[in-house]
């Protein structure tokens, strides 16, 4: 098997032009390709092609539009990361407070509070790993006061273990999401947390958190949200406590089955509204869309009339 030959920037530009891409300013195109790789940009011009085998472009495909999409996506990721911060910190705080108030600071070690013991064991190991590598002052102070006698820093002394309000502060969003999902369904604190996020169902919240965790990993690695096919799907609430989507809208039903980010983004706006009704996440998204009228946000799953949905008004 022979690998393809690496192309120079000039050759990359020539290749795009030979396939029909319109490039108004080759010098500016070279600048972008020097700082943003060809294959990273490929995801933004993919739908501009008329032939996906020979990779020929539509007659109106312009390199400038590709860069406009790229910059739009970058701004979108920054807004979504702000939303994720709201949600992650709130989830962490609620898990710490409600469960610690009911079952003490070491509740997370209590197997009787969890549905699946094997998963619980796995999640505790993840917590230990995250705590062992943390350089936060409260984590290093705890490890200084209670050094382990074992070579493995993840093995704690039997009598000294960090309380939830210490160890959960270094837990990742993914670990927090999994621990919440594995809590026993009959625990009133699990329902209370869902209620405080504006949901009547713990299953809904678990589904949303899993999807947001997936999207968080995309955003954190600076990967493309634009025209992304989502692996995770969310379950929609039957009776949302706050402004949501109209479940009878045909486009909403179609959106559920389309693996696009629209529903995930909408759930994030909903949760942020439940956390803080005065947050600016929705306004920032609306401003981004309004300031980029040439960007087809249908590639994100936004359908005709989405602005009329209760949550988005």
C-alpha atoms as a PDB file:
ATOM      1  CA  UNK A   1       0.000   0.000   0.000  1.00  0.00           C
ATOM      2  CA  UNK A   2       1.335   3.432  -0.977  1.00  0.00           C
ATOM      3  CA  UNK A   3       0.545   6.422   1.204  1.00  0.00           C
ATOM      4  CA  UNK A   4      -0.475   9.704  -0.366  1.00  0.00           C
ATOM      5  CA  UNK A   5       2.221  12.311  -0.857  1.00  0.00           C
ATOM      6  CA  UNK A   6       2.179  15.262   1.539  1.00  0.00           C
ATOM      7  CA  UNK A   7       1.128  18.415  -0.294  1.00  0.00           C
ATOM      8  CA  UNK A   8       2.560  21.905   0.163  1.00  0.00           C
ATOM      9  CA  UNK A   9       0.209  24.777   1.010  1.00  0.00           C
ATOM     10  CA  UNK A  10       0.388  25.953  -2.605  1.00  0.00           C
ATOM     11  CA  UNK A  11      -0.497  22.457  -3.797  1.00  0.00           C
ATOM     12  CA  UNK A  12      -3.434  22.282  -1.382  1.00  0.00           C
ATOM     13  CA  UNK A  13      -4.786  25.546  -2.801  1.00  0.00           C
ATOM     14  CA  UNK A  14      -4.288  24.316  -6.362  1.00  0.00           C
ATOM     15  CA  UNK A  15      -6.103  21.066  -5.531  1.00  0.00           C
ATOM     16  CA  UNK A  16      -9.096  22.917  -4.121  1.00  0.00           C
ATOM     17  CA  UNK A  17      -9.228  25.152  -7.193  1.00  0.00           C
ATOM     18  CA  UNK A  18      -8.988  22.178  -9.550  1.00  0.00           C
ATOM     19  CA  UNK A  19     -12.048  20.725  -7.819  1.00  0.00           C
ATOM     20  CA  UNK A  20     -14.037  23.920  -8.268  1.00  0.00           C
ATOM     21  CA  UNK A  21     -13.461  25.807  -5.017  1.00  0.00           C
ATOM     22  CA  UNK A  22     -13.496  29.579  -5.585  1.00  0.00           C
ATOM     23  CA  UNK A  23     -10.598  31.289  -3.813  1.00  0.00           C
ATOM     24  CA  UNK A  24     -10.653  35.071  -4.066  1.00  0.00           C
ATOM     25  CA  UNK A  25      -7.421  35.743  -2.176  1.00  0.00           C
ATOM     26  CA  UNK A  26      -4.819  32.979  -2.460  1.00  0.00           C
ATOM     27  CA  UNK A  27      -2.454  34.714  -0.041  1.00  0.00           C
ATOM     28  CA  UNK A  28      -5.122  34.845   2.641  1.00  0.00           C
ATOM     29  CA  UNK A  29      -6.064  31.220   1.912  1.00  0.00           C
ATOM     30  CA  UNK A  30      -2.416  30.234   2.362  1.00  0.00           C
ATOM     31  CA  UNK A  31      -2.383  32.058   5.718  1.00  0.00           C
ATOM     32  CA  UNK A  32      -5.360  30.075   6.987  1.00  0.00           C
ATOM     33  CA  UNK A  33      -4.008  26.749   5.720  1.00  0.00           C
ATOM     34  CA  UNK A  34      -0.721  27.427   7.495  1.00  0.00           C
ATOM     35  CA  UNK A  35      -2.579  27.728  10.803  1.00  0.00           C
ATOM     36  CA  UNK A  36      -5.618  25.488  10.289  1.00  0.00           C
ATOM     37  CA  UNK A  37      -5.003  22.098   8.727  1.00  0.00           C
ATOM     38  CA  UNK A  38      -6.600  21.093   5.436  1.00  0.00           C
ATOM     39  CA  UNK A  39      -8.431  18.152   7.000  1.00  0.00           C
ATOM     40  CA  UNK A  40      -9.725  20.235   9.891  1.00  0.00           C
ATOM     41  CA  UNK A  41     -11.335  22.600   7.387  1.00  0.00           C
ATOM     42  CA  UNK A  42     -12.641  19.703   5.328  1.00  0.00           C
ATOM     43  CA  UNK A  43     -15.564  19.212   7.719  1.00  0.00           C
ATOM     44  CA  UNK A  44     -16.741  22.744   6.941  1.00  0.00           C
ATOM     45  CA  UNK A  45     -16.733  22.359   3.160  1.00  0.00           C
ATOM     46  CA  UNK A  46     -17.977  18.779   2.996  1.00  0.00           C
ATOM     47  CA  UNK A  47     -21.582  19.685   2.154  1.00  0.00           C
ATOM     48  CA  UNK A  48     -20.378  22.098  -0.554  1.00  0.00           C
ATOM     49  CA  UNK A  49     -19.389  19.132  -2.701  1.00  0.00           C
ATOM     50  CA  UNK A  50     -21.575  17.820  -5.521  1.00  0.00           C
ATOM     51  CA  UNK A  51     -19.512  14.654  -5.966  1.00  0.00           C
ATOM     52  CA  UNK A  52     -18.308  12.998  -2.767  1.00  0.00           C
ATOM     53  CA  UNK A  53     -16.163  10.460  -4.613  1.00  0.00           C
ATOM     54  CA  UNK A  54     -14.191  12.846  -6.794  1.00  0.00           C
ATOM     55  CA  UNK A  55     -14.672  15.695  -4.283  1.00  0.00           C
ATOM     56  CA  UNK A  56     -15.802  18.279  -6.820  1.00  0.00           C
ATOM     57  CA  UNK A  57     -17.471  21.405  -5.488  1.00  0.00           C
ATOM     58  CA  UNK A  58     -20.680  23.238  -6.235  1.00  0.00           C
ATOM     59  CA  UNK A  59     -20.122  26.191  -8.557  1.00  0.00           C
ATOM     60  CA  UNK A  60     -20.802  28.623  -5.706  1.00  0.00           C
ATOM     61  CA  UNK A  61     -18.420  27.031  -3.181  1.00  0.00           C
ATOM     62  CA  UNK A  62     -16.131  29.726  -1.781  1.00  0.00           C
ATOM     63  CA  UNK A  63     -13.142  29.324   0.507  1.00  0.00           C
ATOM     64  CA  UNK A  64     -14.173  32.506   2.333  1.00  0.00           C
ATOM     65  CA  UNK A  65     -17.459  30.827   3.298  1.00  0.00           C
ATOM     66  CA  UNK A  66     -15.521  27.887   4.727  1.00  0.00           C
ATOM     67  CA  UNK A  67     -13.549  30.227   6.986  1.00  0.00           C
ATOM     68  CA  UNK A  68     -16.743  32.021   7.973  1.00  0.00           C
ATOM     69  CA  UNK A  69     -18.236  28.686   9.044  1.00  0.00           C
ATOM     70  CA  UNK A  70     -15.059  27.801  10.918  1.00  0.00           C
ATOM     71  CA  UNK A  71     -15.088  31.077  12.882  1.00  0.00           C
ATOM     72  CA  UNK A  72     -18.810  30.693  13.596  1.00  0.00           C
ATOM     73  CA  UNK A  73     -18.202  27.210  14.980  1.00  0.00           C
ATOM     74  CA  UNK A  74     -15.371  28.458  17.165  1.00  0.00           C
ATOM     75  CA  UNK A  75     -17.614  31.130  18.698  1.00  0.00           C
ATOM     76  CA  UNK A  76     -20.370  28.553  19.166  1.00  0.00           C
ATOM     77  CA  UNK A  77     -18.014  26.252  21.071  1.00  0.00           C
ATOM     78  CA  UNK A  78     -17.018  29.080  23.416  1.00  0.00           C
ATOM     79  CA  UNK A  79     -20.667  29.766  24.285  1.00  0.00           C
ATOM     80  CA  UNK A  80     -21.404  26.070  24.771  1.00  0.00           C
ATOM     81  CA  UNK A  81     -18.377  25.716  27.031  1.00  0.00           C
ATOM     82  CA  UNK A  82     -19.765  28.518  29.217  1.00  0.00           C
ATOM     83  CA  UNK A  83     -23.072  26.639  29.397  1.00  0.00           C
ATOM     84  CA  UNK A  84     -21.316  23.405  30.302  1.00  0.00           C
ATOM     85  CA  UNK A  85     -19.504  25.196  33.130  1.00  0.00           C
ATOM     86  CA  UNK A  86     -22.854  26.366  34.561  1.00  0.00           C
ATOM     87  CA  UNK A  87     -24.263  22.837  34.427  1.00  0.00           C
ATOM     88  CA  UNK A  88     -21.175  21.005  35.677  1.00  0.00           C
ATOM     89  CA  UNK A  89     -20.662  23.218  38.714  1.00  0.00           C
ATOM     90  CA  UNK A  90     -24.362  23.058  39.606  1.00  0.00           C
ATOM     91  CA  UNK A  91     -24.442  19.256  39.296  1.00  0.00           C
ATOM     92  CA  UNK A  92     -21.325  18.906  41.436  1.00  0.00           C
ATOM     93  CA  UNK A  93     -22.717  21.239  44.090  1.00  0.00           C
ATOM     94  CA  UNK A  94     -26.099  19.499  44.262  1.00  0.00           C
ATOM     95  CA  UNK A  95     -24.568  16.022  44.500  1.00  0.00           C
ATOM     96  CA  UNK A  96     -22.269  17.137  47.299  1.00  0.00           C
ATOM     97  CA  UNK A  97     -24.899  19.024  49.275  1.00  0.00           C
ATOM     98  CA  UNK A  98     -28.032  16.893  49.068  1.00  0.00           C
ATOM     99  CA  UNK A  99     -26.357  13.504  49.466  1.00  0.00           C
ATOM    100  CA  UNK A 100     -23.944  14.690  52.189  1.00  0.00           C
ATOM    101  CA  UNK A 101     -26.784  16.249  54.157  1.00  0.00           C
ATOM    102  CA  UNK A 102     -28.700  12.982  54.050  1.00  0.00           C
ATOM    103  CA  UNK A 103     -25.946  10.356  54.343  1.00  0.00           C
ATOM    104  CA  UNK A 104     -22.758  12.091  55.487  1.00  0.00           C
ATOM    105  CA  UNK A 105     -19.583  13.168  53.725  1.00  0.00           C
ATOM    106  CA  UNK A 106     -18.580   9.640  52.704  1.00  0.00           C
ATOM    107  CA  UNK A 107     -21.933   8.776  51.101  1.00  0.00           C
ATOM    108  CA  UNK A 108     -20.281   8.066  47.782  1.00  0.00           C
ATOM    109  CA  UNK A 109     -18.575   5.000  49.321  1.00  0.00           C
ATOM    110  CA  UNK A 110     -21.887   3.550  50.519  1.00  0.00           C
ATOM    111  CA  UNK A 111     -22.736   0.726  48.104  1.00  0.00           C
ATOM    112  CA  UNK A 112     -26.342   0.570  49.317  1.00  0.00           C
ATOM    113  CA  UNK A 113     -27.064   3.923  47.661  1.00  0.00           C
ATOM    114  CA  UNK A 114     -26.257   2.651  44.175  1.00  0.00           C
ATOM    115  CA  UNK A 115     -28.017   0.438  41.649  1.00  0.00           C
ATOM    116  CA  UNK A 116     -25.036  -1.378  40.155  1.00  0.00           C
ATOM    117  CA  UNK A 117     -22.232  -2.358  42.552  1.00  0.00           C
ATOM    118  CA  UNK A 118     -19.756  -3.145  39.771  1.00  0.00           C
ATOM    119  CA  UNK A 119     -20.298   0.260  38.201  1.00  0.00           C
ATOM    120  CA  UNK A 120     -20.045   1.864  41.610  1.00  0.00           C
ATOM    121  CA  UNK A 121     -16.646   0.228  42.166  1.00  0.00           C
ATOM    122  CA  UNK A 122     -15.482   1.445  38.761  1.00  0.00           C
ATOM    123  CA  UNK A 123     -16.667   4.990  39.426  1.00  0.00           C
ATOM    124  CA  UNK A 124     -14.910   5.095  42.796  1.00  0.00           C
ATOM    125  CA  UNK A 125     -11.675   4.053  41.103  1.00  0.00           C
ATOM    126  CA  UNK A 126     -12.151   6.900  38.629  1.00  0.00           C
ATOM    127  CA  UNK A 127     -12.715   9.306  41.518  1.00  0.00           C
ATOM    128  CA  UNK A 128      -9.563   8.077  43.246  1.00  0.00           C
ATOM    129  CA  UNK A 129      -7.524   8.480  40.065  1.00  0.00           C
ATOM    130  CA  UNK A 130      -8.770  12.033  39.535  1.00  0.00           C
ATOM    131  CA  UNK A 131      -8.068  12.902  43.173  1.00  0.00           C
ATOM    132  CA  UNK A 132      -4.605  11.309  43.128  1.00  0.00           C
ATOM    133  CA  UNK A 133      -3.445  13.401  40.182  1.00  0.00           C
ATOM    134  CA  UNK A 134      -5.080  16.646  41.332  1.00  0.00           C
ATOM    135  CA  UNK A 135      -2.859  19.578  42.259  1.00  0.00           C
ATOM    136  CA  UNK A 136      -5.671  21.647  43.764  1.00  0.00           C
ATOM    137  CA  UNK A 137      -4.616  23.107  47.117  1.00  0.00           C
ATOM    138  CA  UNK A 138      -7.361  21.328  49.066  1.00  0.00           C
ATOM    139  CA  UNK A 139      -6.416  18.000  47.465  1.00  0.00           C
ATOM    140  CA  UNK A 140      -2.685  18.366  48.079  1.00  0.00           C
ATOM    141  CA  UNK A 141      -3.368  19.531  51.645  1.00  0.00           C
ATOM    142  CA  UNK A 142      -5.468  16.429  52.332  1.00  0.00           C
ATOM    143  CA  UNK A 143      -2.799  14.144  50.845  1.00  0.00           C
ATOM    144  CA  UNK A 144      -0.139  15.913  52.944  1.00  0.00           C
ATOM    145  CA  UNK A 145      -2.119  15.425  56.150  1.00  0.00           C
ATOM    146  CA  UNK A 146      -2.979  11.804  55.393  1.00  0.00           C
ATOM    147  CA  UNK A 147      -0.169  10.301  53.323  1.00  0.00           C
ATOM    148  CA  UNK A 148      -0.748   6.753  52.115  1.00  0.00           C
ATOM    149  CA  UNK A 149       1.610   4.035  53.276  1.00  0.00           C
ATOM    150  CA  UNK A 150       1.095   2.241  49.980  1.00  0.00           C
ATOM    151  CA  UNK A 151       3.073   3.070  46.846  1.00  0.00           C
ATOM    152  CA  UNK A 152      -0.177   3.530  44.965  1.00  0.00           C
ATOM    153  CA  UNK A 153      -1.606   6.987  45.845  1.00  0.00           C
ATOM    154  CA  UNK A 154      -5.089   5.727  44.915  1.00  0.00           C
ATOM    155  CA  UNK A 155      -5.074   3.373  47.920  1.00  0.00           C
ATOM    156  CA  UNK A 156      -6.205   5.362  50.942  1.00  0.00           C
ATOM    157  CA  UNK A 157      -5.523   4.630  54.565  1.00  0.00           C
ATOM    158  CA  UNK A 158      -8.477   2.774  56.011  1.00  0.00           C
ATOM    159  CA  UNK A 159      -9.405   5.500  58.493  1.00  0.00           C
ATOM    160  CA  UNK A 160      -8.918   8.643  56.400  1.00  0.00           C
ATOM    161  CA  UNK A 161     -10.848   9.247  53.198  1.00  0.00           C
ATOM    162  CA  UNK A 162     -11.747  12.592  51.616  1.00  0.00           C
ATOM    163  CA  UNK A 163     -15.298  13.785  52.151  1.00  0.00           C
ATOM    164  CA  UNK A 164     -17.508  14.338  49.130  1.00  0.00           C
ATOM    165  CA  UNK A 165     -17.061  18.121  49.283  1.00  0.00           C
ATOM    166  CA  UNK A 166     -13.311  17.561  48.799  1.00  0.00           C
ATOM    167  CA  UNK A 167     -13.080  14.743  46.291  1.00  0.00           C
ATOM    168  CA  UNK A 168     -16.014  15.772  44.090  1.00  0.00           C
ATOM    169  CA  UNK A 169     -14.404  19.124  43.382  1.00  0.00           C
ATOM    170  CA  UNK A 170     -11.835  17.362  41.194  1.00  0.00           C
ATOM    171  CA  UNK A 171     -14.266  14.918  39.560  1.00  0.00           C
ATOM    172  CA  UNK A 172     -14.836  15.251  35.823  1.00  0.00           C
ATOM    173  CA  UNK A 173     -18.249  15.971  34.346  1.00  0.00           C
ATOM    174  CA  UNK A 174     -18.316  12.420  32.981  1.00  0.00           C
ATOM    175  CA  UNK A 175     -17.689  10.871  36.392  1.00  0.00           C
ATOM    176  CA  UNK A 176     -20.304  13.098  38.058  1.00  0.00           C
ATOM    177  CA  UNK A 177     -22.836  12.158  35.386  1.00  0.00           C
ATOM    178  CA  UNK A 178     -22.203   8.431  35.829  1.00  0.00           C
ATOM    179  CA  UNK A 179     -22.401   8.601  39.617  1.00  0.00           C
ATOM    180  CA  UNK A 180     -25.721  10.444  39.429  1.00  0.00           C
ATOM    181  CA  UNK A 181     -27.152   7.930  36.969  1.00  0.00           C
ATOM    182  CA  UNK A 182     -26.139   4.988  39.183  1.00  0.00           C
ATOM    183  CA  UNK A 183     -27.821   6.370  42.316  1.00  0.00           C
ATOM    184  CA  UNK A 184     -30.818   4.273  43.336  1.00  0.00           C
ATOM    185  CA  UNK A 185     -33.961   5.546  41.686  1.00  0.00           C
ATOM    186  CA  UNK A 186     -35.948   5.617  44.923  1.00  0.00           C
ATOM    187  CA  UNK A 187     -33.534   8.012  46.634  1.00  0.00           C
ATOM    188  CA  UNK A 188     -35.430  11.278  47.217  1.00  0.00           C
ATOM    189  CA  UNK A 189     -32.193  13.226  46.717  1.00  0.00           C
ATOM    190  CA  UNK A 190     -31.889  11.930  43.139  1.00  0.00           C
ATOM    191  CA  UNK A 191     -35.368  13.223  42.324  1.00  0.00           C
ATOM    192  CA  UNK A 192     -34.681  16.469  44.168  1.00  0.00           C
ATOM    193  CA  UNK A 193     -31.636  17.160  41.986  1.00  0.00           C
ATOM    194  CA  UNK A 194     -33.652  16.485  38.821  1.00  0.00           C
ATOM    195  CA  UNK A 195     -36.405  18.803  40.106  1.00  0.00           C
ATOM    196  CA  UNK A 196     -33.910  21.583  40.778  1.00  0.00           C
ATOM    197  CA  UNK A 197     -32.780  21.252  37.157  1.00  0.00           C
ATOM    198  CA  UNK A 198     -36.395  21.749  36.079  1.00  0.00           C
ATOM    199  CA  UNK A 199     -37.134  18.097  35.294  1.00  0.00           C
ATOM    200  CA  UNK A 200     -39.649  15.659  36.766  1.00  0.00           C
ATOM    201  CA  UNK A 201     -37.733  12.579  35.626  1.00  0.00           C
ATOM    202  CA  UNK A 202     -34.321  11.409  36.817  1.00  0.00           C
ATOM    203  CA  UNK A 203     -34.062   9.400  33.596  1.00  0.00           C
ATOM    204  CA  UNK A 204     -34.424  12.603  31.597  1.00  0.00           C
ATOM    205  CA  UNK A 205     -31.650  14.288  33.559  1.00  0.00           C
ATOM    206  CA  UNK A 206     -29.350  11.258  33.215  1.00  0.00           C
ATOM    207  CA  UNK A 207     -29.966  11.179  29.466  1.00  0.00           C
ATOM    208  CA  UNK A 208     -29.259  14.900  29.149  1.00  0.00           C
ATOM    209  CA  UNK A 209     -26.089  14.715  31.238  1.00  0.00           C
ATOM    210  CA  UNK A 210     -24.730  11.865  29.114  1.00  0.00           C
ATOM    211  CA  UNK A 211     -25.342  13.845  25.926  1.00  0.00           C
ATOM    212  CA  UNK A 212     -23.808  17.008  27.376  1.00  0.00           C
ATOM    213  CA  UNK A 213     -20.772  15.012  28.528  1.00  0.00           C
ATOM    214  CA  UNK A 214     -20.325  13.794  24.956  1.00  0.00           C
ATOM    215  CA  UNK A 215     -20.655  17.343  23.627  1.00  0.00           C
ATOM    216  CA  UNK A 216     -18.310  18.624  26.325  1.00  0.00           C
ATOM    217  CA  UNK A 217     -15.569  16.276  25.133  1.00  0.00           C
ATOM    218  CA  UNK A 218     -16.018  17.571  21.589  1.00  0.00           C
ATOM    219  CA  UNK A 219     -15.836  21.185  22.721  1.00  0.00           C
ATOM    220  CA  UNK A 220     -12.915  20.612  25.111  1.00  0.00           C
ATOM    221  CA  UNK A 221     -10.848  19.091  22.294  1.00  0.00           C
ATOM    222  CA  UNK A 222     -11.731  21.986  19.963  1.00  0.00           C
ATOM    223  CA  UNK A 223     -13.464  19.581  17.602  1.00  0.00           C
ATOM    224  CA  UNK A 224     -16.204  20.533  15.162  1.00  0.00           C
ATOM    225  CA  UNK A 225     -19.770  21.053  16.402  1.00  0.00           C
ATOM    226  CA  UNK A 226     -20.867  22.340  12.994  1.00  0.00           C
ATOM    227  CA  UNK A 227     -22.806  19.659  11.095  1.00  0.00           C
ATOM    228  CA  UNK A 228     -21.819  17.132  13.767  1.00  0.00           C
ATOM    229  CA  UNK A 229     -23.575  13.786  13.862  1.00  0.00           C
ATOM    230  CA  UNK A 230     -24.317  13.207  17.530  1.00  0.00           C
ATOM    231  CA  UNK A 231     -23.708   9.732  18.908  1.00  0.00           C
ATOM    232  CA  UNK A 232     -25.755  10.372  22.051  1.00  0.00           C
ATOM    233  CA  UNK A 233     -29.504  11.023  21.881  1.00  0.00           C
ATOM    234  CA  UNK A 234     -31.628  12.646  24.571  1.00  0.00           C
ATOM    235  CA  UNK A 235     -35.012  11.639  25.913  1.00  0.00           C
ATOM    236  CA  UNK A 236     -37.552  14.443  25.905  1.00  0.00           C
ATOM    237  CA  UNK A 237     -39.595  15.320  29.014  1.00  0.00           C
ATOM    238  CA  UNK A 238     -43.331  14.688  28.889  1.00  0.00           C
ATOM    239  CA  UNK A 239     -44.130  17.616  31.148  1.00  0.00           C
ATOM    240  CA  UNK A 240     -41.301  20.098  31.504  1.00  0.00           C
ATOM    241  CA  UNK A 241     -41.507  22.383  34.517  1.00  0.00           C
ATOM    242  CA  UNK A 242     -40.230  25.424  32.618  1.00  0.00           C
ATOM    243  CA  UNK A 243     -40.373  26.771  29.053  1.00  0.00           C
ATOM    244  CA  UNK A 244     -39.404  23.948  26.710  1.00  0.00           C
ATOM    245  CA  UNK A 245     -40.355  22.810  23.199  1.00  0.00           C
ATOM    246  CA  UNK A 246     -43.829  22.159  21.851  1.00  0.00           C
ATOM    247  CA  UNK A 247     -43.949  18.334  21.751  1.00  0.00           C
ATOM    248  CA  UNK A 248     -46.645  18.368  19.053  1.00  0.00           C
ATOM    249  CA  UNK A 249     -44.515  20.319  16.568  1.00  0.00           C
ATOM    250  CA  UNK A 250     -43.748  18.039  13.628  1.00  0.00           C
ATOM    251  CA  UNK A 251     -40.243  19.494  13.331  1.00  0.00           C
ATOM    252  CA  UNK A 252     -39.551  18.615  16.971  1.00  0.00           C
ATOM    253  CA  UNK A 253     -40.501  15.009  16.343  1.00  0.00           C
ATOM    254  CA  UNK A 254     -38.222  14.962  13.309  1.00  0.00           C
ATOM    255  CA  UNK A 255     -35.386  16.589  15.253  1.00  0.00           C
ATOM    256  CA  UNK A 256     -35.433  13.788  17.813  1.00  0.00           C
ATOM    257  CA  UNK A 257     -34.452  11.329  15.105  1.00  0.00           C
ATOM    258  CA  UNK A 258     -31.827  13.563  13.503  1.00  0.00           C
ATOM    259  CA  UNK A 259     -28.390  13.146  15.081  1.00  0.00           C
ATOM    260  CA  UNK A 260     -27.725  16.893  15.055  1.00  0.00           C
ATOM    261  CA  UNK A 261     -26.756  19.179  17.975  1.00  0.00           C
ATOM    262  CA  UNK A 262     -30.023  21.179  18.096  1.00  0.00           C
ATOM    263  CA  UNK A 263     -31.725  19.117  20.798  1.00  0.00           C
ATOM    264  CA  UNK A 264     -28.521  18.877  22.869  1.00  0.00           C
ATOM    265  CA  UNK A 265     -27.999  22.646  22.659  1.00  0.00           C
ATOM    266  CA  UNK A 266     -31.636  23.210  23.622  1.00  0.00           C
ATOM    267  CA  UNK A 267     -31.303  20.991  26.692  1.00  0.00           C
ATOM    268  CA  UNK A 268     -28.243  22.984  27.752  1.00  0.00           C
ATOM    269  CA  UNK A 269     -30.155  26.268  27.467  1.00  0.00           C
ATOM    270  CA  UNK A 270     -33.021  24.724  29.459  1.00  0.00           C
ATOM    271  CA  UNK A 271     -30.731  23.562  32.284  1.00  0.00           C
ATOM    272  CA  UNK A 272     -28.934  26.918  32.411  1.00  0.00           C
ATOM    273  CA  UNK A 273     -32.319  28.652  32.707  1.00  0.00           C
ATOM    274  CA  UNK A 274     -33.232  26.366  35.603  1.00  0.00           C
ATOM    275  CA  UNK A 275     -29.933  27.096  37.343  1.00  0.00           C
ATOM    276  CA  UNK A 276     -30.043  30.844  36.796  1.00  0.00           C
ATOM    277  CA  UNK A 277     -33.002  32.502  35.033  1.00  0.00           C
ATOM    278  CA  UNK A 278     -30.811  35.550  34.383  1.00  0.00           C
ATOM    279  CA  UNK A 279     -28.034  33.707  32.538  1.00  0.00           C
ATOM    280  CA  UNK A 280     -27.013  34.974  29.084  1.00  0.00           C
ATOM    281  CA  UNK A 281     -26.435  31.675  27.250  1.00  0.00           C
ATOM    282  CA  UNK A 282     -29.572  31.866  25.091  1.00  0.00           C
ATOM    283  CA  UNK A 283     -29.003  35.540  24.315  1.00  0.00           C
ATOM    284  CA  UNK A 284     -25.419  34.856  23.301  1.00  0.00           C
ATOM    285  CA  UNK A 285     -26.542  32.065  20.962  1.00  0.00           C
ATOM    286  CA  UNK A 286     -29.255  34.238  19.428  1.00  0.00           C
ATOM    287  CA  UNK A 287     -26.775  37.059  18.926  1.00  0.00           C
ATOM    288  CA  UNK A 288     -24.329  34.670  17.259  1.00  0.00           C
ATOM    289  CA  UNK A 289     -27.025  33.445  14.872  1.00  0.00           C
ATOM    290  CA  UNK A 290     -28.228  36.986  14.103  1.00  0.00           C
ATOM    291  CA  UNK A 291     -24.685  38.208  13.462  1.00  0.00           C
ATOM    292  CA  UNK A 292     -24.056  35.384  11.008  1.00  0.00           C
ATOM    293  CA  UNK A 293     -27.109  35.396   8.713  1.00  0.00           C
ATOM    294  CA  UNK A 294     -25.240  33.587   5.926  1.00  0.00           C
ATOM    295  CA  UNK A 295     -24.478  30.566   8.088  1.00  0.00           C
ATOM    296  CA  UNK A 296     -27.057  27.807   7.481  1.00  0.00           C
ATOM    297  CA  UNK A 297     -27.760  26.713  11.061  1.00  0.00           C
ATOM    298  CA  UNK A 298     -29.915  23.945   9.628  1.00  0.00           C
ATOM    299  CA  UNK A 299     -26.610  22.046   9.616  1.00  0.00           C
ATOM    300  CA  UNK A 300     -26.893  22.110  13.415  1.00  0.00           C
ATOM    301  CA  UNK A 301     -30.444  20.750  13.235  1.00  0.00           C
ATOM    302  CA  UNK A 302     -32.228  24.095  13.653  1.00  0.00           C
ATOM    303  CA  UNK A 303     -35.426  23.805  11.609  1.00  0.00           C
ATOM    304  CA  UNK A 304     -37.763  26.368  10.051  1.00  0.00           C
ATOM    305  CA  UNK A 305     -39.678  28.063  12.835  1.00  0.00           C
ATOM    306  CA  UNK A 306     -37.362  27.062  15.675  1.00  0.00           C
ATOM    307  CA  UNK A 307     -37.464  30.680  16.900  1.00  0.00           C
ATOM    308  CA  UNK A 308     -41.169  30.220  17.698  1.00  0.00           C
ATOM    309  CA  UNK A 309     -40.596  27.407  20.161  1.00  0.00           C
ATOM    310  CA  UNK A 310     -41.399  28.478  23.757  1.00  0.00           C
ATOM    311  CA  UNK A 311     -37.823  28.076  25.043  1.00  0.00           C
ATOM    312  CA  UNK A 312     -36.269  30.014  22.154  1.00  0.00           C
ATOM    313  CA  UNK A 313     -38.701  32.962  22.063  1.00  0.00           C
END
